Amino acid sequence: MQTGKIDSWLKNSPLLRGLEEAVVDEVRCFAENQLDRIQELVKIGMALSAEKNLDRLLEMIVSEARRFTNADGGALYIKTEDDHLEFKIVQNDSLDLRMGGTGERISWPPVPLKGPEGIENHRNVSAHCALMGKPVNIDDVYRADFDFQGTRDFDATTGYHSKSMLLIPMRDHEDEVIGVLQLLNARNRESGEVESFDDHEIADITSLASQAAIAITNVRLVGELENLLNAFLRAIAAAIDEKSPYTAGHVSRVAELTTLIAREINRDESGHFSGVSFSDDELAELKMAAWMHDVGKVTTPEYVVDKATKLQTIFDRIGLVEARIEILKREAEIGKLKAQLADRGGAYEPPAEDLNRLDGILSFLSKVNIGGEFLPDDKIRMIEELTNHHYGAEGSRKPLLTAEEVENLSIRKGTLNKSERAIINNHVSLTIKMLEKLPFPKKLARVPDYAGMHHEKMDGTGYPKGLKGDEIPVQSRILAVSDVFEALTAADRPYKPGKKLSESMKILGFMVKDNHLDEEICDLLVRSGLVQYYGCRNLSERQRDDFDWKGEKIRIDCSRDKKECLKDRN
C-alpha cells in the first residue's frame, strides 16, 4: 500500500517531472552538440583529404583547429629527419599574423628533440609533446614548468600576452608522430576573454590532428611518387641523350622550351590563345610528354642516330671510296710507267690530267657526303655516272661506287636514306607503344598522345597518323615547334653546325608557309620574346644574330633580353 502511494507521488510530482524534462533536454542538447561536432569533424576531414597542395593543407589544418576551439593563435610543426620540429605554419588573429605556407617565410629556428649529447629535450613543450606522443594542456604558460623563454620573447617583442596553450601530437597511419599542432589562447565564445582549453575538446582535436596527419602523409606520398616517376622518366631521357654525343641535351632543351611556350599561352589574355589556359596538372602533363617524346629512340641503332655523313654506317665509308680512287691513281701511274718503259729510256712523267681528274672526283664526293645542302638533279647524275669508273685487276674489276653507295650519296637532304629514315620515324610508334604500357595516373593519361604526335604536320603530311589542323592537340603542336626549333639551332648535331637565328627563323617561316607548323605558336614564340630568351641562354654568340619575322626586324640584345626574361620566367 505504501509502495503504491510512493509510485503515484513520483508520477504526479511537478518537481520530478520538471527535473526529468530538464535532464532529457540536457542530454538532447549534449547529444546534438556532439553530433554537430562529429559532423564538423567529418566535413573538416573531407576538406583536408581534398586539398592536394601541401602548403594550403597545412594552413587549413591550423585554421580549422583554431576555429573548432576558438583559439586566437596556432602553429604547426613538422618533424624532420634529423629529429627537429620545424615551424611550418604560424597564425594569430590579434596580431593579424600569417607566416609559413603561402604566407611570409618563417625564420625561427627549428626545435631540437634531443640535445647535443642525445638527451631528450623535455624542457621545450613542443618537443615534449612529440617525444611523449601525448596532448599537453596548459592553463597559463607563465606558470608552467616548461621553458617558455621563446614565448616570453615573442610577447615582449609584439606586446601580445600568451596564456592558455594546447599541444596535440600528430600521428600518421603507422602511429608515428610526424608533427605537433599547437593552439594558443582559447577565447570564450560569448565574452571573448581568454580561458583554458576545455579537456573535452582534446579528444576532438586529437581526432582532427590524426586526420590531418594522414592527409599530410597522403600528400607527401603522392608528391614522392610523382617525384620518383619524374626522376625515373628523366633518367630514361638522359640515357637516350647520352646514347649519342650528338643529341646530349636535346630532350632537356625541348622540355624547357615547351614549358616556356605553354606558360606564355597562359599569359596571352588578349591574343589568339586568350581562350586557352593550362592548369598546373596540364603543364606537368605536357612537360612529361616533352621529356618522353624521343623515348622510342632507345631501340634505334646508334649508327642511324649518329649518322654524320651519307656513307656512314659503323664507320664512314668515304674512306673506302678514297682507297679506291688511290687504286685508280696508282693504276694510272702504272699505266704511264708501262708506256714509258715500252719506249725504253723515256723520262717518267706522272699522268697529271688523270690524277687531277681523280682528285676532283674525290673532292666532289667528300663534299656531297656531308649532306649539309640540298642536292640537285645535276649532281645526282654526276654521282650515277661515276659507276662507269672501275678499279682492280683485270678480270675482277669493280665499279668505283656500289649501288648502295650511289643511293646514299644521292640523298637530297640530310644524311639518312629511305630505310634509315623509316627506322628514325618508327621511334614515334615505339614511343607510343612504350608509353601506353605505363599505368599513368589520370592527370597524366595523355602523355603518350602528346609525345606521339610531335611529328604530325598541320597539313596532314606528318606521321605516324597523318593528323592535320585541329586534329592535333595544341600540346603536340607546341612540342613540334620546340622540337624543330631546338634541332635547327642545336650546335651538337653530327651532320651540321648549329644554325644562326636568322637561318633558323627563315626555315621556321618556310615550315609555317608550307603549313607544317602551327603559325600562331610560332608567332607567339617571336612575339613573347622567347626566341631571344632561349637564344641568350642556349646559343653561342655566333648564332645569336638579328633575324626577320614576317617583315619585322627582330634584334637580339642579351644584356637586356636575358635580364628582362629571367625575372618572370625562372
Protein backbone atom coordinates (compact mmCIF):
# COMPACT_ATOMS: atom_id res chain seq x y z
CA MET A 1 0.00 0.00 0.00
CA GLN A 2 2.80 2.36 0.97
CA THR A 3 4.72 1.50 -2.21
CA GLY A 4 1.72 2.36 -4.39
CA LYS A 5 1.44 5.80 -2.80
CA ILE A 6 5.12 6.48 -3.47
CA ASP A 7 4.77 5.42 -7.11
CA SER A 8 1.75 7.66 -7.51
CA TRP A 9 3.56 10.56 -5.94
CA LEU A 10 6.59 10.08 -8.18
CA LYS A 11 4.40 10.04 -11.28
CA ASN A 12 2.40 13.12 -10.33
CA SER A 13 5.11 15.28 -8.71
CA PRO A 14 5.62 18.52 -10.69
CA LEU A 15 9.13 18.79 -9.26
CA LEU A 16 10.21 15.41 -10.54
CA ARG A 17 8.53 15.92 -13.88
CA GLY A 18 10.41 19.20 -14.28
CA LEU A 19 13.66 17.55 -13.27
CA GLU A 20 13.08 14.73 -15.74
CA GLU A 21 12.39 17.17 -18.56
CA ALA A 22 15.49 19.17 -17.66
CA VAL A 23 17.66 16.05 -17.75
CA VAL A 24 16.17 14.97 -21.08
CA ASP A 25 16.74 18.46 -22.53
CA GLU A 26 20.28 18.48 -21.22
CA VAL A 27 21.03 15.06 -22.71
CA ARG A 28 19.38 16.05 -26.00
CA CYS A 29 21.37 19.28 -26.12
CA PHE A 30 24.60 17.42 -25.34
CA ALA A 31 23.85 14.78 -27.97
CA GLU A 32 23.00 17.40 -30.61
CA ASN A 33 26.16 19.32 -29.75
CA GLN A 34 28.25 16.17 -30.02
CA LEU A 35 26.58 15.27 -33.31
CA ASP A 36 27.30 18.76 -34.65
CA ARG A 37 30.96 18.44 -33.62
CA ILE A 38 31.24 14.99 -35.20
CA GLN A 39 29.66 16.27 -38.41
CA GLU A 40 32.01 19.24 -38.34
CA LEU A 41 35.00 16.91 -37.90
CA VAL A 42 33.78 14.83 -40.84
CA LYS A 43 33.49 17.96 -43.00
CA ILE A 44 36.96 19.08 -41.96
CA GLY A 45 38.33 15.62 -42.71
CA MET A 46 36.77 15.66 -46.18
CA ALA A 47 38.17 19.13 -46.85
CA LEU A 48 41.64 18.04 -45.71
CA SER A 49 41.51 14.97 -47.94
CA ALA A 50 40.52 17.07 -50.96
CA GLU A 51 43.42 19.53 -50.65
CA LYS A 52 46.43 18.43 -52.70
CA ASN A 53 48.72 21.42 -52.15
CA LEU A 54 50.81 20.82 -49.04
CA ASP A 55 51.19 24.50 -48.07
CA ARG A 56 47.45 25.15 -48.30
CA LEU A 57 46.76 21.89 -46.47
CA LEU A 58 48.96 22.89 -43.52
CA GLU A 59 47.28 26.29 -43.37
CA MET A 60 43.85 24.66 -43.42
CA ILE A 61 44.77 22.32 -40.55
CA VAL A 62 45.73 25.21 -38.26
CA SER A 63 42.78 27.37 -39.33
CA GLU A 64 40.21 24.62 -38.78
CA ALA A 65 41.68 23.59 -35.42
CA ARG A 66 41.60 27.23 -34.29
CA ARG A 67 38.04 27.65 -35.48
CA PHE A 68 36.99 24.43 -33.76
CA THR A 69 38.41 25.58 -30.40
CA ASN A 70 38.00 29.34 -30.93
CA ALA A 71 41.76 29.77 -30.40
CA ASP A 72 43.35 33.14 -31.12
CA GLY A 73 46.59 31.65 -32.40
CA GLY A 74 48.08 28.43 -33.62
CA ALA A 75 51.20 26.85 -35.02
CA LEU A 76 52.13 23.63 -36.76
CA TYR A 77 55.47 21.87 -36.54
CA ILE A 78 56.65 19.05 -38.80
CA LYS A 79 59.22 16.54 -37.59
CA THR A 80 62.37 16.46 -39.74
CA GLU A 81 64.65 13.52 -40.49
CA ASP A 82 67.35 14.96 -38.20
CA ASP A 83 64.99 14.97 -35.17
CA HIS A 84 63.89 18.59 -35.11
CA LEU A 85 60.46 20.22 -35.12
CA GLU A 86 60.37 22.71 -37.97
CA PHE A 87 57.91 25.60 -37.93
CA LYS A 88 55.60 25.29 -40.92
CA ILE A 89 52.60 27.49 -40.09
CA VAL A 90 52.08 30.34 -37.59
CA GLN A 91 48.75 32.18 -37.26
CA ASN A 92 47.48 34.81 -34.83
CA ASP A 93 44.27 36.80 -35.26
CA SER A 94 45.02 39.54 -32.70
CA LEU A 95 48.36 40.27 -34.35
CA ASP A 96 47.00 39.71 -37.87
CA LEU A 97 49.90 37.32 -38.33
CA ARG A 98 50.18 34.71 -41.09
CA MET A 99 53.53 33.01 -41.55
CA GLY A 100 54.58 29.91 -43.47
CA GLY A 101 52.62 28.09 -46.16
CA THR A 102 51.51 30.63 -48.74
CA GLY A 103 52.38 33.49 -46.35
CA GLU A 104 55.70 35.07 -45.46
CA ARG A 105 58.67 32.86 -44.71
CA ILE A 106 59.29 31.69 -41.13
CA SER A 107 62.82 32.50 -39.98
CA TRP A 108 62.55 30.99 -36.50
CA PRO A 109 65.00 28.14 -35.81
CA PRO A 110 63.65 24.57 -35.52
CA VAL A 111 63.13 22.98 -32.11
CA PRO A 112 65.58 20.14 -31.35
CA LEU A 113 64.05 16.94 -29.98
CA LYS A 114 67.38 15.97 -28.45
CA GLY A 115 70.33 17.84 -27.01
CA PRO A 116 73.96 17.63 -28.16
CA GLU A 117 74.58 14.51 -26.08
CA GLY A 118 71.43 12.75 -27.27
CA ILE A 119 69.38 13.64 -24.18
CA GLU A 120 65.69 14.15 -24.95
CA ASN A 121 64.57 17.77 -24.85
CA HIS A 122 61.67 17.75 -22.40
CA ARG A 123 62.20 21.38 -21.41
CA ASN A 124 60.54 22.59 -24.60
CA VAL A 125 56.81 21.87 -24.50
CA SER A 126 56.52 21.16 -28.25
CA ALA A 127 59.44 18.72 -28.14
CA HIS A 128 57.97 17.12 -25.01
CA CYS A 129 54.63 16.62 -26.75
CA ALA A 130 56.31 14.98 -29.76
CA LEU A 131 58.58 12.79 -27.63
CA MET A 132 55.81 11.58 -25.31
CA GLY A 133 53.18 11.36 -28.04
CA LYS A 134 50.53 12.76 -25.70
CA PRO A 135 48.49 16.00 -25.58
CA VAL A 136 49.64 18.80 -23.28
CA ASN A 137 47.03 21.25 -21.92
CA ILE A 138 48.41 24.33 -20.11
CA ASP A 139 46.21 26.89 -18.34
CA ASP A 140 48.92 29.58 -18.11
CA VAL A 141 52.26 29.32 -19.88
CA TYR A 142 53.80 31.81 -17.43
CA ARG A 143 53.14 29.41 -14.56
CA ALA A 144 54.11 26.18 -16.31
CA ASP A 145 57.25 24.13 -15.63
CA PHE A 146 58.42 24.16 -19.25
CA ASP A 147 60.94 26.59 -20.71
CA PHE A 148 58.81 29.26 -22.38
CA GLN A 149 61.61 31.79 -22.93
CA GLY A 150 60.82 31.89 -26.66
CA THR A 151 57.17 32.67 -25.89
CA ARG A 152 58.20 35.37 -23.42
CA ASP A 153 60.49 36.96 -26.01
CA PHE A 154 57.69 36.85 -28.61
CA ASP A 155 55.28 38.55 -26.19
CA ALA A 156 57.85 41.18 -25.25
CA THR A 157 58.51 41.99 -28.91
CA THR A 158 54.89 42.09 -30.07
CA GLY A 159 53.05 43.23 -26.94
CA TYR A 160 50.99 40.05 -27.04
CA HIS A 161 50.12 38.03 -23.92
CA SER A 162 50.23 34.27 -24.30
CA LYS A 163 48.27 32.33 -21.72
CA SER A 164 46.45 29.07 -22.42
CA MET A 165 48.03 26.52 -24.74
CA LEU A 166 47.04 23.13 -26.12
CA LEU A 167 49.50 20.88 -27.92
CA ILE A 168 48.43 17.76 -29.82
CA PRO A 169 50.81 15.20 -31.37
CA MET A 170 50.04 14.37 -34.99
CA ARG A 171 50.23 10.64 -35.79
CA ASP A 172 50.27 9.07 -39.23
CA HIS A 173 48.75 5.76 -40.38
CA GLU A 174 51.70 3.90 -38.84
CA ASP A 175 51.12 5.60 -35.46
CA GLU A 176 54.35 7.58 -35.84
CA VAL A 177 54.43 11.19 -34.62
CA ILE A 178 55.09 13.37 -37.67
CA GLY A 179 54.45 16.75 -36.09
CA VAL A 180 52.77 18.83 -33.41
CA LEU A 181 49.69 21.04 -33.58
CA GLN A 182 49.84 23.96 -31.14
CA LEU A 183 46.85 26.15 -30.23
CA LEU A 184 47.15 29.37 -28.23
CA ASN A 185 44.72 31.40 -26.11
CA ALA A 186 41.27 29.82 -26.22
CA ARG A 187 38.62 32.57 -26.25
CA ASN A 188 35.23 32.39 -24.60
CA ARG A 189 32.68 32.38 -27.43
CA GLU A 190 30.44 34.89 -25.63
CA SER A 191 32.77 37.25 -23.77
CA GLY A 192 35.90 36.85 -25.89
CA GLU A 193 38.01 36.54 -22.75
CA VAL A 194 40.99 34.18 -22.83
CA GLU A 195 40.27 30.94 -20.99
CA SER A 196 41.70 27.47 -20.64
CA PHE A 197 41.16 24.86 -23.32
CA ASP A 198 38.33 22.50 -22.38
CA ASP A 199 39.55 18.98 -21.60
CA HIS A 200 36.55 17.67 -23.51
CA GLU A 201 37.95 19.24 -26.68
CA ILE A 202 41.18 17.28 -26.50
CA ALA A 203 39.59 14.12 -27.93
CA ASP A 204 38.06 16.08 -30.81
CA ILE A 205 41.26 17.96 -31.63
CA THR A 206 43.24 14.70 -31.35
CA SER A 207 40.87 13.22 -33.91
CA LEU A 208 41.31 16.25 -36.16
CA ALA A 209 45.10 16.07 -35.75
CA SER A 210 45.03 12.40 -36.70
CA GLN A 211 43.04 13.14 -39.86
CA ALA A 212 45.40 16.00 -40.61
CA ALA A 213 48.47 13.77 -40.18
CA ILE A 214 47.05 11.20 -42.57
CA ALA A 215 46.19 13.93 -45.09
CA ILE A 216 49.74 15.30 -44.83
CA THR A 217 51.17 11.81 -45.28
CA ASN A 218 48.98 11.19 -48.32
CA VAL A 219 50.02 14.45 -49.98
CA ARG A 220 53.65 13.67 -49.20
CA LEU A 221 53.35 10.14 -50.58
CA VAL A 222 51.70 11.40 -53.76
CA GLY A 223 54.44 14.01 -54.11
CA GLU A 224 57.17 11.44 -53.52
CA LEU A 225 55.63 9.05 -56.06
CA GLU A 226 55.37 11.87 -58.61
CA ASN A 227 58.99 12.82 -57.94
CA LEU A 228 60.01 9.18 -58.33
CA LEU A 229 58.12 8.89 -61.63
CA ASN A 230 59.59 12.15 -62.91
CA ALA A 231 63.10 11.12 -61.89
CA PHE A 232 62.68 7.69 -63.50
CA LEU A 233 61.42 9.11 -66.79
CA ARG A 234 64.10 11.81 -66.83
CA ALA A 235 66.71 9.11 -66.25
CA ILE A 236 65.40 7.30 -69.34
CA ALA A 237 65.51 10.56 -71.31
CA ALA A 238 69.05 11.22 -70.10
CA ALA A 239 70.07 7.70 -71.14
CA ILE A 240 68.72 8.34 -74.65
CA ASP A 241 70.57 11.66 -74.83
CA GLU A 242 73.78 10.02 -73.60
CA LYS A 243 73.39 7.20 -76.13
CA SER A 244 74.62 9.68 -78.69
CA PRO A 245 77.08 12.51 -78.03
CA TYR A 246 75.29 14.41 -80.79
CA THR A 247 71.90 14.57 -79.08
CA ALA A 248 73.01 15.18 -75.50
CA GLY A 249 70.79 17.88 -74.03
CA HIS A 250 68.18 17.74 -76.81
CA VAL A 251 65.40 16.34 -74.63
CA SER A 252 66.01 18.72 -71.72
CA ARG A 253 66.11 21.74 -74.04
CA VAL A 254 62.89 20.68 -75.77
CA ALA A 255 61.22 20.20 -72.37
CA GLU A 256 62.39 23.66 -71.27
CA LEU A 257 61.15 25.41 -74.42
CA THR A 258 57.85 23.50 -74.46
CA THR A 259 57.12 24.58 -70.88
CA LEU A 260 58.04 28.19 -71.64
CA ILE A 261 55.71 28.32 -74.65
CA ALA A 262 52.83 26.80 -72.66
CA ARG A 263 53.28 29.39 -69.91
CA GLU A 264 53.30 32.18 -72.49
CA ILE A 265 50.00 30.85 -73.82
CA ASN A 266 48.61 31.15 -70.29
CA ARG A 267 49.77 34.80 -70.25
CA ASP A 268 48.19 35.52 -73.65
CA GLU A 269 44.99 37.16 -72.38
CA SER A 270 44.04 39.12 -75.49
CA GLY A 271 45.66 37.29 -78.40
CA HIS A 272 44.84 34.13 -80.35
CA PHE A 273 45.27 31.95 -77.25
CA SER A 274 43.14 34.05 -74.90
CA GLY A 275 40.68 31.15 -74.57
CA VAL A 276 43.39 28.57 -73.84
CA SER A 277 44.70 28.01 -70.34
CA PHE A 278 46.73 25.13 -68.94
CA SER A 279 46.27 24.13 -65.30
CA ASP A 280 49.27 23.12 -63.19
CA ASP A 281 48.43 19.46 -63.81
CA GLU A 282 48.16 20.06 -67.56
CA LEU A 283 51.50 21.87 -67.59
CA ALA A 284 53.07 18.94 -65.73
CA GLU A 285 51.49 16.51 -68.20
CA LEU A 286 52.86 18.44 -71.18
CA LYS A 287 56.31 18.74 -69.63
CA MET A 288 56.43 14.99 -69.05
CA ALA A 289 55.38 14.39 -72.66
CA ALA A 290 58.27 16.62 -73.73
CA TRP A 291 60.69 14.61 -71.60
CA MET A 292 59.35 11.40 -73.17
CA HIS A 293 58.93 12.49 -76.79
CA ASP A 294 62.02 10.58 -78.01
CA VAL A 295 61.86 7.56 -75.70
CA GLY A 296 61.33 5.27 -78.72
CA LYS A 297 64.87 6.08 -79.85
CA VAL A 298 66.14 3.71 -77.18
CA THR A 299 65.73 0.97 -79.83
CA THR A 300 67.15 2.99 -82.73
CA PRO A 301 70.63 1.80 -83.84
CA GLU A 302 73.35 4.23 -82.84
CA TYR A 303 74.81 4.38 -86.34
CA VAL A 304 71.45 5.73 -87.58
CA VAL A 305 71.05 8.28 -84.78
CA ASP A 306 74.69 9.36 -85.14
CA LYS A 307 74.83 9.22 -88.94
CA ALA A 308 77.01 12.24 -89.64
CA THR A 309 77.55 11.61 -93.36
CA LYS A 310 75.66 9.89 -96.14
CA LEU A 311 78.11 6.97 -96.37
CA GLN A 312 78.38 6.39 -92.63
CA THR A 313 77.31 3.08 -91.10
CA ILE A 314 79.51 1.70 -88.33
CA PHE A 315 82.23 3.82 -89.96
CA ASP A 316 82.28 6.46 -92.69
CA ARG A 317 82.67 4.58 -95.99
CA ILE A 318 84.10 7.65 -97.71
CA GLY A 319 87.40 6.09 -96.60
CA LEU A 320 86.71 3.12 -98.86
CA VAL A 321 85.99 5.45 -101.76
CA GLU A 322 89.26 7.29 -101.08
CA ALA A 323 91.12 3.96 -101.14
CA ARG A 324 89.52 3.01 -104.45
CA ILE A 325 90.45 6.34 -106.00
CA GLU A 326 94.01 5.85 -104.75
CA ILE A 327 93.97 2.50 -106.55
CA LEU A 328 92.79 4.23 -109.73
CA LYS A 329 95.56 6.82 -109.33
CA ARG A 330 98.16 4.07 -108.89
CA GLU A 331 96.73 2.29 -111.92
CA ALA A 332 97.05 5.49 -113.95
CA GLU A 333 100.65 5.92 -112.83
CA ILE A 334 101.47 2.27 -113.56
CA GLY A 335 99.93 2.59 -117.00
CA LYS A 336 102.04 5.64 -117.69
CA LEU A 337 105.19 3.86 -116.50
CA LYS A 338 104.46 0.86 -118.70
CA ALA A 339 104.07 3.11 -121.71
CA GLN A 340 107.35 4.82 -121.00
CA LEU A 341 109.15 1.53 -120.46
CA ALA A 342 107.86 0.41 -123.81
CA ASP A 343 109.53 3.48 -125.33
CA ARG A 344 112.73 2.48 -123.46
CA GLY A 345 114.59 5.23 -121.75
CA GLY A 346 111.95 7.94 -121.73
CA ALA A 347 111.86 10.10 -118.56
CA TYR A 348 108.91 9.38 -116.24
CA GLU A 349 106.10 11.92 -116.45
CA PRO A 350 103.20 11.43 -113.99
CA PRO A 351 99.73 11.39 -115.59
CA ALA A 352 98.78 14.82 -114.23
CA GLU A 353 95.49 15.08 -116.09
CA ASP A 354 94.24 11.73 -114.80
CA LEU A 355 95.38 12.43 -111.24
CA ASN A 356 93.74 15.86 -111.18
CA ARG A 357 90.51 14.38 -112.52
CA LEU A 358 90.50 11.69 -109.79
CA ASP A 359 91.30 14.28 -107.10
CA GLY A 360 88.35 16.31 -108.37
CA ILE A 361 86.07 13.26 -108.12
CA LEU A 362 87.20 12.63 -104.53
CA SER A 363 86.69 16.29 -103.60
CA PHE A 364 83.19 16.24 -105.11
CA LEU A 365 82.19 13.02 -103.32
CA SER A 366 83.62 14.22 -99.99
CA LYS A 367 81.54 17.40 -100.20
CA VAL A 368 78.38 15.56 -101.26
CA ASN A 369 78.90 13.04 -98.46
CA ILE A 370 78.45 15.72 -95.78
CA GLY A 371 74.80 16.32 -96.67
CA GLY A 372 74.74 19.90 -95.49
CA GLU A 373 72.96 21.26 -98.57
CA PHE A 374 70.08 20.24 -100.81
CA LEU A 375 71.36 18.00 -103.63
CA PRO A 376 70.04 19.00 -107.11
CA ASP A 377 69.41 16.67 -110.06
CA ASP A 378 72.62 17.52 -111.93
CA LYS A 379 74.78 16.41 -109.03
CA ILE A 380 72.80 13.19 -108.66
CA ARG A 381 73.51 12.47 -112.36
CA MET A 382 77.21 13.09 -111.75
CA ILE A 383 77.17 10.54 -108.92
CA GLU A 384 75.42 7.97 -111.10
CA GLU A 385 77.94 8.48 -113.92
CA LEU A 386 80.78 7.57 -111.56
CA THR A 387 79.59 3.96 -111.64
CA ASN A 388 81.24 3.83 -115.07
CA HIS A 389 84.64 4.13 -113.38
CA HIS A 390 86.15 0.78 -112.39
CA TYR A 391 89.18 -0.28 -110.38
CA GLY A 392 91.07 -3.51 -109.66
CA ALA A 393 92.95 -6.20 -111.53
CA GLU A 394 91.92 -7.30 -114.98
CA GLY A 395 89.14 -9.86 -114.80
CA SER A 396 87.91 -8.71 -111.39
CA ARG A 397 87.38 -5.00 -111.83
CA LYS A 398 84.68 -3.37 -109.73
CA PRO A 399 82.72 -0.10 -110.05
CA LEU A 400 84.08 2.86 -108.12
CA LEU A 401 80.72 3.19 -106.32
CA THR A 402 78.38 0.37 -105.33
CA ALA A 403 74.63 0.67 -105.87
CA GLU A 404 74.14 1.21 -102.12
CA GLU A 405 76.76 3.96 -102.05
CA VAL A 406 75.11 5.67 -105.02
CA GLU A 407 71.76 5.50 -103.21
CA ASN A 408 73.22 7.07 -100.07
CA LEU A 409 75.26 9.73 -101.85
CA SER A 410 72.13 10.69 -103.82
CA ILE A 411 70.18 11.61 -100.66
CA ARG A 412 68.81 15.04 -101.47
CA LYS A 413 68.56 16.38 -97.91
CA GLY A 414 70.35 15.30 -94.75
CA THR A 415 72.22 12.02 -94.39
CA LEU A 416 69.50 9.36 -94.00
CA ASN A 417 68.32 7.11 -96.82
CA LYS A 418 64.73 5.84 -97.06
CA SER A 419 65.23 2.75 -94.91
CA GLU A 420 67.14 4.69 -92.26
CA ARG A 421 64.50 7.44 -92.32
CA ALA A 422 61.87 4.75 -91.75
CA ILE A 423 63.86 3.48 -88.75
CA ILE A 424 64.06 7.00 -87.31
CA ASN A 425 60.37 7.67 -87.98
CA ASN A 426 59.48 4.40 -86.29
CA HIS A 427 60.73 5.82 -82.99
CA VAL A 428 57.41 7.69 -82.68
CA SER A 429 55.37 4.48 -82.98
CA LEU A 430 57.67 2.85 -80.45
CA THR A 431 57.32 5.88 -78.17
CA ILE A 432 53.54 5.49 -78.21
CA LYS A 433 53.76 1.73 -77.70
CA MET A 434 56.18 2.05 -74.77
CA LEU A 435 54.33 4.88 -73.04
CA GLU A 436 50.93 3.20 -73.43
CA LYS A 437 52.27 0.29 -71.39
CA LEU A 438 52.92 2.60 -68.43
CA PRO A 439 49.99 2.97 -65.99
CA PHE A 440 49.98 6.77 -65.94
CA PRO A 441 47.60 8.34 -63.38
CA LYS A 442 44.51 10.05 -64.75
CA LYS A 443 46.06 13.53 -64.78
CA LEU A 444 48.95 12.23 -66.93
CA ALA A 445 46.84 9.95 -69.13
CA ARG A 446 47.51 11.87 -72.37
CA VAL A 447 51.30 11.83 -72.12
CA PRO A 448 51.51 9.03 -74.76
CA ASP A 449 49.25 11.02 -77.14
CA TYR A 450 51.10 14.31 -76.83
CA ALA A 451 54.54 12.69 -77.08
CA GLY A 452 53.46 10.51 -80.01
CA MET A 453 52.09 13.35 -82.15
CA HIS A 454 55.05 15.73 -82.21
CA HIS A 455 55.88 14.76 -85.82
CA GLU A 456 52.36 15.38 -87.13
CA LYS A 457 52.04 18.35 -89.52
CA MET A 458 49.27 20.89 -89.86
CA ASP A 459 48.65 19.86 -93.50
CA GLY A 460 48.30 16.16 -92.64
CA THR A 461 51.60 15.00 -94.18
CA GLY A 462 53.21 14.13 -90.86
CA TYR A 463 53.47 10.79 -89.09
CA PRO A 464 52.51 8.36 -87.64
CA LYS A 465 48.76 9.06 -88.06
CA GLY A 466 48.68 11.79 -90.69
CA LEU A 467 46.57 14.09 -88.50
CA LYS A 468 46.01 17.67 -89.58
CA GLY A 469 44.94 21.02 -88.15
CA ASP A 470 42.84 20.87 -85.01
CA GLU A 471 43.04 17.06 -85.03
CA ILE A 472 46.47 17.61 -83.50
CA PRO A 473 46.21 18.69 -79.83
CA VAL A 474 47.67 22.12 -79.14
CA GLN A 475 50.07 20.44 -76.69
CA SER A 476 51.56 18.34 -79.51
CA ARG A 477 51.74 21.41 -81.76
CA ILE A 478 53.75 23.21 -79.07
CA LEU A 479 56.04 20.21 -78.77
CA ALA A 480 56.50 20.07 -82.55
CA VAL A 481 57.62 23.72 -82.69
CA SER A 482 60.01 23.20 -79.77
CA ASP A 483 61.49 20.06 -81.33
CA VAL A 484 62.09 21.73 -84.71
CA PHE A 485 63.49 24.96 -83.26
CA GLU A 486 65.89 23.07 -80.97
CA ALA A 487 67.03 20.82 -83.83
CA LEU A 488 67.70 23.82 -86.10
CA THR A 489 69.76 25.69 -83.52
CA ALA A 490 71.49 22.70 -81.86
CA ALA A 491 75.26 23.03 -82.15
CA ASP A 492 75.95 19.34 -81.45
CA ARG A 493 74.34 17.61 -84.45
CA PRO A 494 76.76 15.36 -86.42
CA TYR A 495 75.70 16.47 -89.88
CA LYS A 496 75.68 20.25 -89.45
CA PRO A 497 76.81 23.11 -87.23
CA GLY A 498 74.17 24.95 -85.22
CA LYS A 499 72.37 27.42 -87.46
CA LYS A 500 72.20 31.12 -86.71
CA LEU A 501 68.88 32.50 -85.51
CA SER A 502 68.44 34.29 -88.84
CA GLU A 503 68.76 30.97 -90.69
CA SER A 504 66.66 29.03 -88.20
CA MET A 505 63.80 31.52 -88.20
CA LYS A 506 63.86 31.66 -92.01
CA ILE A 507 63.42 27.87 -92.14
CA LEU A 508 60.75 28.06 -89.44
CA GLY A 509 58.95 30.62 -91.59
CA PHE A 510 59.07 28.29 -94.61
CA MET A 511 57.62 25.47 -92.48
CA VAL A 512 54.79 27.77 -91.40
CA LYS A 513 54.20 28.80 -95.03
CA ASP A 514 54.12 25.12 -96.06
CA ASN A 515 51.55 24.51 -93.29
CA HIS A 516 53.77 22.10 -91.39
CA LEU A 517 53.96 24.02 -88.09
CA ASP A 518 51.30 25.97 -86.19
CA GLU A 519 51.61 29.60 -87.31
CA GLU A 520 50.08 31.06 -84.14
CA ILE A 521 52.52 29.20 -81.88
CA CYS A 522 55.48 30.34 -83.99
CA ASP A 523 54.17 33.92 -83.87
CA LEU A 524 53.88 33.67 -80.07
CA LEU A 525 57.42 32.31 -79.90
CA VAL A 526 58.64 35.52 -81.53
CA ARG A 527 56.12 38.00 -80.08
CA SER A 528 56.71 36.89 -76.47
CA GLY A 529 60.48 37.27 -76.71
CA LEU A 530 61.09 33.55 -76.18
CA VAL A 531 63.36 33.32 -79.23
CA GLN A 532 65.62 35.98 -77.74
CA TYR A 533 65.40 34.44 -74.26
CA TYR A 534 66.20 30.93 -75.48
CA GLY A 535 68.97 32.20 -77.72
CA CYS A 536 70.67 34.13 -74.93
CA ARG A 537 70.52 31.10 -72.64
CA ASN A 538 71.41 28.28 -75.03
CA LEU A 539 73.08 29.54 -78.21
CA SER A 540 76.63 30.61 -78.95
CA GLU A 541 77.46 34.23 -79.70
CA ARG A 542 77.97 33.29 -83.37
CA GLN A 543 74.39 32.02 -83.58
CA ARG A 544 72.73 34.97 -81.82
CA ASP A 545 72.21 37.30 -84.75
CA ASP A 546 69.23 39.52 -85.58
CA PHE A 547 66.50 37.94 -87.67
CA ASP A 548 63.45 38.80 -89.76
CA TRP A 549 59.95 37.57 -88.97
CA LYS A 550 57.07 38.47 -91.27
CA GLY A 551 58.81 41.61 -92.44
CA GLU A 552 59.80 42.79 -88.97
CA LYS A 553 63.43 43.04 -87.89
CA ILE A 554 63.95 41.37 -84.51
CA ARG A 555 67.10 42.44 -82.71
CA ILE A 556 68.97 40.36 -80.14
CA ASP A 557 70.43 42.11 -77.10
CA CYS A 558 71.33 39.55 -74.46
CA SER A 559 72.24 42.15 -71.85
CA ARG A 560 68.60 43.28 -71.99
CA ASP A 561 66.68 40.22 -73.20
CA LYS A 562 68.15 37.81 -70.68
CA LYS A 563 67.65 40.15 -67.73
CA GLU A 564 64.05 41.01 -68.66
CA CYS A 565 63.06 37.43 -69.38
CA LEU A 566 64.72 35.88 -66.34
CA LYS A 567 62.74 37.94 -63.87
CA ASP A 568 59.39 36.39 -64.78
CA ARG A 569 60.30 33.05 -66.36
CA ASN A 570 62.52 31.43 -63.72
